[in-house]
């Protein structure tokens, strides 16, 4: 099945040599994405041409997470590895930089912030701990542990406490973490970086049945989550992070994004499909098919969804009104063709009512 499906060109595939395990982008570097591969390499890929413009080498084990430094910091690419460390490179020169050691298991999630004049790298690991690092010095600022009982899968900063790409002033930063223990936990980091601790240790957010893979804040500052239980949920800030929307994708989901302009929610995961949901109604609007193995990451670039997969391809799906409308019409046309073919097959294999009556009459005559 995979061999047959691999020949399709849906989503204008950019084909790489090894499984792709993570994807990210840089706010000032439009038109390109950065991906992490099971072969231990990270790369910058230009979407229009499919060309790899920068290759970041060094690790010999799979890279499972990526982050790019904030624009105020020297340009760095960070990659979490199966070797339990975090690798870094200069984003432009590709020169290897500092490695960060401190976790005792795979590094699964990374993000970067700036606070108190310092650029900070935050890492989450399968060892159930979160570490804050001073990027410049490599100093370990805090280790946050004790809440999660199993591995950390994703991290997200509460946008109401951290103005995007801006320096803070007296505001504690709140971070959310998601784990394979199905819990979402919250952490408070002081703006001067002197303290870091969990908020409501005994009261994690529990809205899913099993592992939570993805956290995504929308423009209303509500939290969208994707889980191995096969559902996407919108957790309402006003309702104390209770779910007010549930979308049932049908298989475990690795990523969710929200297209604010079009009003779409997009989910993707193990079933290889990219599903487009009407945010207002909660109805499934369209399904993009093309990947032939599990989708491991997704991001939104303008109104284009970019997905990566274990099938070693990067694919793009337009959410623009005219493009999405065309995709829906083509899908309906293909569905109608399949139904017509099935009807022909059934007709060729089954007699009509008139033929049945004629056969019955002949059998009665023979009996007489």
Protein backbone atom coordinates (compact mmCIF):
# COMPACT_ATOMS: atom_id res chain seq x y z
CA UNK A 1 0.00 0.00 0.00
CA UNK A 2 2.74 2.44 0.94
CA UNK A 3 4.70 1.67 -2.23
CA UNK A 4 1.65 2.38 -4.39
CA UNK A 5 0.73 5.53 -2.47
CA UNK A 6 4.30 6.87 -2.45
CA UNK A 7 4.11 7.76 -6.14
CA UNK A 8 1.49 10.48 -5.65
CA UNK A 9 2.40 14.16 -6.02
CA UNK A 10 -0.30 15.57 -3.74
CA UNK A 11 0.96 18.50 -1.71
CA UNK A 12 3.90 19.09 -4.10
CA UNK A 13 6.22 16.79 -2.14
CA UNK A 14 9.80 17.71 -1.39
CA UNK A 15 11.56 14.37 -0.95
CA UNK A 16 14.43 13.93 1.51
CA UNK A 17 16.57 10.90 2.31
CA UNK A 18 15.46 10.06 5.86
CA UNK A 19 12.46 10.23 8.14
CA UNK A 20 11.48 13.76 9.18
CA UNK A 21 10.68 14.05 12.88
CA UNK A 22 10.19 17.78 13.50
CA UNK A 23 9.63 21.10 11.71
CA UNK A 24 9.86 24.76 12.64
CA UNK A 25 10.22 28.16 10.95
CA UNK A 26 11.77 31.54 11.63
CA UNK A 27 9.63 34.72 11.69
CA UNK A 28 12.15 36.67 9.60
CA UNK A 29 12.96 33.84 7.21
CA UNK A 30 9.83 33.45 5.10
CA UNK A 31 9.73 30.89 2.34
CA UNK A 32 11.81 28.29 4.17
CA UNK A 33 11.37 25.70 6.89
CA UNK A 34 13.80 23.91 9.17
CA UNK A 35 13.45 20.18 9.66
CA UNK A 36 15.02 17.52 11.87
CA UNK A 37 15.73 14.04 10.55
CA UNK A 38 16.19 10.55 11.90
CA UNK A 39 19.62 10.47 10.21
CA UNK A 40 20.83 13.06 12.74
CA UNK A 41 20.85 16.06 10.40
CA UNK A 42 18.89 19.30 10.49
CA UNK A 43 18.36 21.37 7.36
CA UNK A 44 16.88 24.56 5.98
CA UNK A 45 14.67 23.81 2.98
CA UNK A 46 13.41 26.47 0.54
CA UNK A 47 9.76 25.64 -0.08
CA UNK A 48 9.42 27.05 -3.60
CA UNK A 49 12.37 25.11 -5.00
CA UNK A 50 12.75 22.21 -2.58
CA UNK A 51 16.45 23.00 -2.34
CA UNK A 52 18.36 22.38 0.90
CA UNK A 53 20.24 25.64 1.38
CA UNK A 54 21.76 24.84 4.80
CA UNK A 55 22.69 21.47 6.28
CA UNK A 56 23.53 21.17 9.98
CA UNK A 57 25.65 18.11 10.81
CA UNK A 58 27.17 16.49 13.87
CA UNK A 59 24.71 14.20 15.64
CA UNK A 60 24.73 10.49 14.85
CA UNK A 61 21.35 9.76 16.46
CA UNK A 62 17.85 10.93 15.43
CA UNK A 63 16.87 14.55 16.06
CA UNK A 64 13.39 14.76 17.57
CA UNK A 65 12.87 18.48 18.23
CA UNK A 66 13.91 21.88 16.86
CA UNK A 67 13.92 25.51 17.97
CA UNK A 68 15.33 28.74 16.57
CA UNK A 69 16.66 31.53 18.76
CA UNK A 70 14.74 34.77 19.15
CA UNK A 71 15.66 37.55 16.67
CA UNK A 72 17.38 39.50 19.44
CA UNK A 73 19.83 36.66 19.96
CA UNK A 74 22.65 35.55 17.71
CA UNK A 75 21.10 33.30 15.09
CA UNK A 76 21.09 29.76 16.44
CA UNK A 77 19.47 26.48 15.46
CA UNK A 78 18.86 24.08 18.34
CA UNK A 79 18.07 20.38 17.98
CA UNK A 80 17.16 17.87 20.67
CA UNK A 81 18.60 14.43 20.13
CA UNK A 82 18.25 10.80 21.11
CA UNK A 83 21.75 11.14 22.57
CA UNK A 84 20.12 13.13 25.46
CA UNK A 85 21.87 16.38 24.54
CA UNK A 86 20.90 19.54 22.68
CA UNK A 87 23.02 20.50 19.67
CA UNK A 88 23.36 24.04 18.32
CA UNK A 89 24.68 25.71 15.19
CA UNK A 90 24.97 29.21 13.82
CA UNK A 91 21.90 29.46 11.61
CA UNK A 92 23.71 31.26 8.76
CA UNK A 93 27.26 29.88 8.81
CA UNK A 94 26.21 26.36 9.90
CA UNK A 95 29.16 26.28 12.30
CA UNK A 96 28.70 23.97 15.30
CA UNK A 97 28.24 25.75 18.61
CA UNK A 98 27.64 24.70 22.21
CA UNK A 99 26.13 21.38 23.25
CA UNK A 100 23.85 21.33 26.28
CA UNK A 101 24.02 18.32 28.61
CA UNK A 102 21.67 17.70 31.52
CA UNK A 103 18.85 15.37 30.53
CA UNK A 104 18.94 11.64 31.16
CA UNK A 105 16.72 10.65 28.23
CA UNK A 106 15.66 11.83 24.74
CA UNK A 107 15.09 15.58 24.34
CA UNK A 108 11.55 15.86 22.94
CA UNK A 109 10.62 19.57 23.04
CA UNK A 110 12.44 22.90 22.69
CA UNK A 111 11.58 26.59 22.69
CA UNK A 112 13.40 29.92 23.10
CA UNK A 113 12.45 33.06 25.00
CA UNK A 114 14.13 36.28 26.13
CA UNK A 115 13.85 37.51 29.71
CA UNK A 116 15.85 39.83 31.98
CA UNK A 117 18.21 40.66 29.13
CA UNK A 118 19.11 37.00 28.61
CA UNK A 119 18.25 34.58 25.84
CA UNK A 120 16.88 31.37 27.30
CA UNK A 121 16.52 27.89 25.84
CA UNK A 122 13.89 25.64 27.41
CA UNK A 123 14.00 21.88 26.90
CA UNK A 124 11.60 19.07 27.78
CA UNK A 125 12.68 15.45 27.87
CA UNK A 126 11.45 11.89 28.04
CA UNK A 127 12.99 11.94 31.52
CA UNK A 128 9.93 14.02 32.62
CA UNK A 129 12.03 17.12 33.39
CA UNK A 130 12.18 20.65 31.97
CA UNK A 131 15.45 22.59 31.99
CA UNK A 132 15.99 26.32 31.45
CA UNK A 133 19.39 27.22 29.97
CA UNK A 134 21.25 30.49 29.52
CA UNK A 135 22.06 30.26 25.82
CA UNK A 136 25.17 32.42 25.96
CA UNK A 137 26.87 30.76 28.92
CA UNK A 138 25.35 27.28 28.78
CA UNK A 139 24.42 27.66 32.45
CA UNK A 140 21.53 25.56 33.72
CA UNK A 141 19.18 28.11 35.29
CA UNK A 142 16.42 25.84 36.60
CA UNK A 143 15.34 22.22 36.45
CA UNK A 144 11.57 21.84 36.72
CA UNK A 145 10.60 18.34 37.77
CA UNK A 146 8.08 16.55 39.93
CA UNK A 147 4.84 17.32 38.15
CA UNK A 148 4.89 15.01 35.16
CA UNK A 149 5.34 11.31 35.81
CA UNK A 150 6.20 10.49 32.19
CA UNK A 151 7.98 12.18 29.29
CA UNK A 152 7.45 15.77 28.15
CA UNK A 153 6.15 15.96 24.57
CA UNK A 154 5.52 19.67 23.96
CA UNK A 155 6.00 23.12 25.48
CA UNK A 156 4.19 26.41 24.88
CA UNK A 157 4.39 29.89 26.39
CA UNK A 158 1.14 31.57 27.48
CA UNK A 159 0.93 34.56 25.08
CA UNK A 160 -0.82 36.70 27.68
CA UNK A 161 2.33 36.60 29.81
CA UNK A 162 4.94 36.84 27.11
CA UNK A 163 4.53 39.44 24.35
CA UNK A 164 5.88 37.87 21.21
CA UNK A 165 9.48 38.83 20.43
CA UNK A 166 9.50 41.49 23.16
CA UNK A 167 11.33 42.02 26.44
CA UNK A 168 9.32 41.66 29.65
CA UNK A 169 8.87 44.14 32.45
CA UNK A 170 7.72 42.70 35.75
CA UNK A 171 5.50 39.98 34.28
CA UNK A 172 5.98 36.35 35.31
CA UNK A 173 6.11 34.09 32.30
CA UNK A 174 3.69 31.16 32.31
CA UNK A 175 4.63 28.03 30.40
CA UNK A 176 2.45 25.01 29.59
CA UNK A 177 3.87 21.51 29.22
CA UNK A 178 2.21 18.42 27.79
CA UNK A 179 3.25 14.87 28.49
CA UNK A 180 2.69 11.22 27.72
CA UNK A 181 1.00 10.96 31.13
CA UNK A 182 -1.97 12.85 29.50
CA UNK A 183 -1.43 15.82 31.82
CA UNK A 184 -0.99 19.46 30.88
CA UNK A 185 0.87 21.36 33.58
CA UNK A 186 1.62 25.04 34.09
CA UNK A 187 4.83 26.65 35.31
CA UNK A 188 5.65 30.20 36.43
CA UNK A 189 9.03 31.67 35.58
CA UNK A 190 9.86 35.03 37.17
CA UNK A 191 10.74 37.79 34.73
CA UNK A 192 14.19 38.11 36.31
CA UNK A 193 14.70 34.35 35.90
CA UNK A 194 15.43 33.93 39.61
CA UNK A 195 12.66 31.42 40.24
CA UNK A 196 10.73 28.72 38.42
CA UNK A 197 7.97 26.61 39.90
CA UNK A 198 4.77 24.75 39.05
CA UNK A 199 1.36 26.40 39.34
CA UNK A 200 -1.20 24.29 41.22
CA UNK A 201 0.86 21.13 41.52
CA UNK A 202 -2.17 19.05 42.52
CA UNK A 203 -4.40 20.41 39.77
CA UNK A 204 -3.06 19.59 36.29
CA UNK A 205 -5.25 20.15 33.24
CA UNK A 206 -6.81 16.77 32.41
CA UNK A 207 -8.91 16.84 29.25
CA UNK A 208 -7.51 13.91 27.26
CA UNK A 209 -7.47 10.15 27.80
CA UNK A 210 -3.82 9.64 26.91
CA UNK A 211 -0.65 11.38 25.61
CA UNK A 212 -0.91 15.05 24.58
CA UNK A 213 1.39 15.72 21.63
CA UNK A 214 0.72 19.32 20.69
CA UNK A 215 -0.14 22.67 22.31
CA UNK A 216 -1.21 25.65 20.20
CA UNK A 217 -2.54 29.02 21.42
CA UNK A 218 -4.98 30.78 19.07
CA UNK A 219 -5.60 34.50 18.60
CA UNK A 220 -8.16 34.46 21.44
CA UNK A 221 -5.48 33.04 23.76
CA UNK A 222 -7.36 29.76 24.13
CA UNK A 223 -5.37 26.53 23.99
CA UNK A 224 -5.76 23.90 21.27
CA UNK A 225 -4.47 20.43 22.08
CA UNK A 226 -3.86 17.28 20.03
CA UNK A 227 -3.76 13.86 21.61
CA UNK A 228 -3.13 10.18 21.01
CA UNK A 229 -6.75 9.64 22.03
CA UNK A 230 -7.67 10.78 18.50
CA UNK A 231 -9.17 14.14 19.43
CA UNK A 232 -8.37 17.81 19.08
CA UNK A 233 -9.76 20.04 21.81
CA UNK A 234 -10.04 23.76 22.41
CA UNK A 235 -9.45 24.48 26.10
CA UNK A 236 -11.16 27.70 27.11
CA UNK A 237 -9.20 30.16 29.22
CA UNK A 238 -12.43 31.63 30.61
CA UNK A 239 -13.64 28.19 31.68
CA UNK A 240 -10.44 27.32 33.50
CA UNK A 241 -9.02 25.23 30.65
CA UNK A 242 -12.09 23.05 30.21
CA UNK A 243 -12.80 21.84 26.67
CA UNK A 244 -15.49 23.78 24.81
CA UNK A 245 -14.76 22.20 21.39
CA UNK A 246 -13.84 18.60 20.59
CA UNK A 247 -12.97 17.41 17.08
CA UNK A 248 -12.64 13.65 16.59
CA UNK A 249 -9.90 13.01 14.05
CA UNK A 250 -10.05 9.24 14.43
CA UNK A 251 -6.43 8.24 15.10
CA UNK A 252 -3.73 9.66 17.28
CA UNK A 253 -2.89 13.23 16.38
CA UNK A 254 0.59 14.69 16.37
CA UNK A 255 -0.16 18.34 15.56
CA UNK A 256 -2.85 21.01 15.41
CA UNK A 257 -2.81 24.57 13.99
CA UNK A 258 -5.48 27.25 13.61
CA UNK A 259 -5.92 29.39 10.48
CA UNK A 260 -7.42 32.56 11.93
CA UNK A 261 -8.03 34.16 8.54
CA UNK A 262 -10.04 31.31 7.08
CA UNK A 263 -11.60 30.04 10.28
CA UNK A 264 -10.07 26.57 9.95
CA UNK A 265 -8.59 24.13 12.44
CA UNK A 266 -6.13 21.65 10.95
CA UNK A 267 -5.16 18.30 12.49
CA UNK A 268 -2.70 15.63 11.35
CA UNK A 269 -1.13 12.45 12.69
CA UNK A 270 -0.73 8.73 12.34
CA UNK A 271 -3.49 8.12 9.77
CA UNK A 272 -1.45 10.15 7.22
CA UNK A 273 -4.34 12.58 6.54
CA UNK A 274 -4.47 16.36 6.95
CA UNK A 275 -7.98 17.20 8.11
CA UNK A 276 -9.52 20.66 7.74
CA UNK A 277 -12.27 21.52 10.23
CA UNK A 278 -14.71 24.41 10.19
CA UNK A 279 -13.90 26.11 13.47
CA UNK A 280 -17.37 27.65 13.88
CA UNK A 281 -19.42 24.50 13.25
CA UNK A 282 -16.91 21.81 14.21
CA UNK A 283 -17.68 19.98 10.96
CA UNK A 284 -15.03 18.25 8.86
CA UNK A 285 -14.69 20.34 5.68
CA UNK A 286 -12.01 18.48 3.72
CA UNK A 287 -9.29 15.86 4.00
CA UNK A 288 -5.97 16.21 2.19
CA UNK A 289 -4.30 12.89 1.40
CA UNK A 290 -0.77 12.40 0.12
CA UNK A 291 1.56 11.29 2.88
CA UNK A 292 2.10 7.54 2.99
CA UNK A 293 3.33 7.27 6.57
CA UNK A 294 2.71 9.00 9.89
CA UNK A 295 2.72 12.80 9.89
CA UNK A 296 5.12 13.96 12.60
CA UNK A 297 4.90 17.76 12.42
CA UNK A 298 2.96 20.65 10.95
CA UNK A 299 3.08 24.43 10.82
CA UNK A 300 1.14 27.24 9.17
CA UNK A 301 2.95 29.60 6.81
CA UNK A 302 0.51 32.33 5.80
CA UNK A 303 -2.44 30.29 4.56
CA UNK A 304 -0.35 27.28 3.60
CA UNK A 305 -0.15 24.24 5.85
CA UNK A 306 3.27 22.56 5.73
CA UNK A 307 3.50 18.97 6.95
CA UNK A 308 6.39 16.54 7.43
CA UNK A 309 6.32 12.79 7.80
CA UNK A 310 8.16 9.58 8.47
CA UNK A 311 7.73 9.08 4.71
CA UNK A 312 10.62 11.59 4.30
CA UNK A 313 8.54 14.21 2.48
CA UNK A 314 7.60 17.84 3.11
CA UNK A 315 4.18 18.68 1.66
CA UNK A 316 2.13 21.87 1.32
CA UNK A 317 -1.64 22.37 1.39
CA UNK A 318 -3.26 25.70 0.54
CA UNK A 319 -6.12 27.00 2.67
CA UNK A 320 -6.83 29.93 0.36
CA UNK A 321 -10.52 30.06 -0.55
CA UNK A 322 -10.06 29.32 -4.25
CA UNK A 323 -7.49 26.54 -3.69
CA UNK A 324 -9.45 24.83 -0.93
CA UNK A 325 -12.64 25.07 -2.99
CA UNK A 326 -10.90 23.43 -5.93
CA UNK A 327 -9.56 20.64 -3.71
CA UNK A 328 -13.05 19.96 -2.34
CA UNK A 329 -14.55 19.81 -5.85
CA UNK A 330 -11.82 17.47 -7.08
CA UNK A 331 -12.35 15.18 -4.08
CA UNK A 332 -16.10 15.08 -4.73
CA UNK A 333 -15.46 14.29 -8.40
CA UNK A 334 -13.12 11.45 -7.52
CA UNK A 335 -15.63 10.09 -5.01
CA UNK A 336 -18.42 10.15 -7.62
CA UNK A 337 -16.23 8.30 -10.12
CA UNK A 338 -15.52 5.55 -7.58
CA UNK A 339 -19.24 5.24 -6.77
CA UNK A 340 -20.12 4.97 -10.46
CA UNK A 341 -17.51 2.26 -10.98
CA UNK A 342 -18.89 0.32 -8.02
CA UNK A 343 -22.41 0.59 -9.44
CA UNK A 344 -21.23 -0.78 -12.79
CA UNK A 345 -19.54 -3.72 -11.08
CA UNK A 346 -22.67 -4.46 -9.06
CA UNK A 347 -24.89 -4.23 -12.13
CA UNK A 348 -22.70 -6.62 -14.10
CA UNK A 349 -22.86 -9.15 -11.30
CA UNK A 350 -26.58 -8.99 -10.46
CA UNK A 351 -29.67 -9.66 -12.63
CA UNK A 352 -32.40 -7.04 -13.04
CA UNK A 353 -35.95 -7.45 -11.66
CA UNK A 354 -37.29 -8.28 -15.18
CA UNK A 355 -34.59 -10.90 -15.62
CA UNK A 356 -35.45 -12.41 -12.25
CA UNK A 357 -39.15 -12.70 -13.18
CA UNK A 358 -38.32 -14.24 -16.56
CA UNK A 359 -36.06 -16.80 -14.92
CA UNK A 360 -38.77 -17.70 -12.39
CA UNK A 361 -41.31 -18.23 -15.16
CA UNK A 362 -38.94 -20.50 -17.08
CA UNK A 363 -38.31 -22.58 -13.97
CA UNK A 364 -42.08 -22.98 -13.40
CA UNK A 365 -42.56 -24.09 -17.03
CA UNK A 366 -39.84 -26.71 -16.68
CA UNK A 367 -41.53 -27.99 -13.55
CA UNK A 368 -44.81 -28.50 -15.36
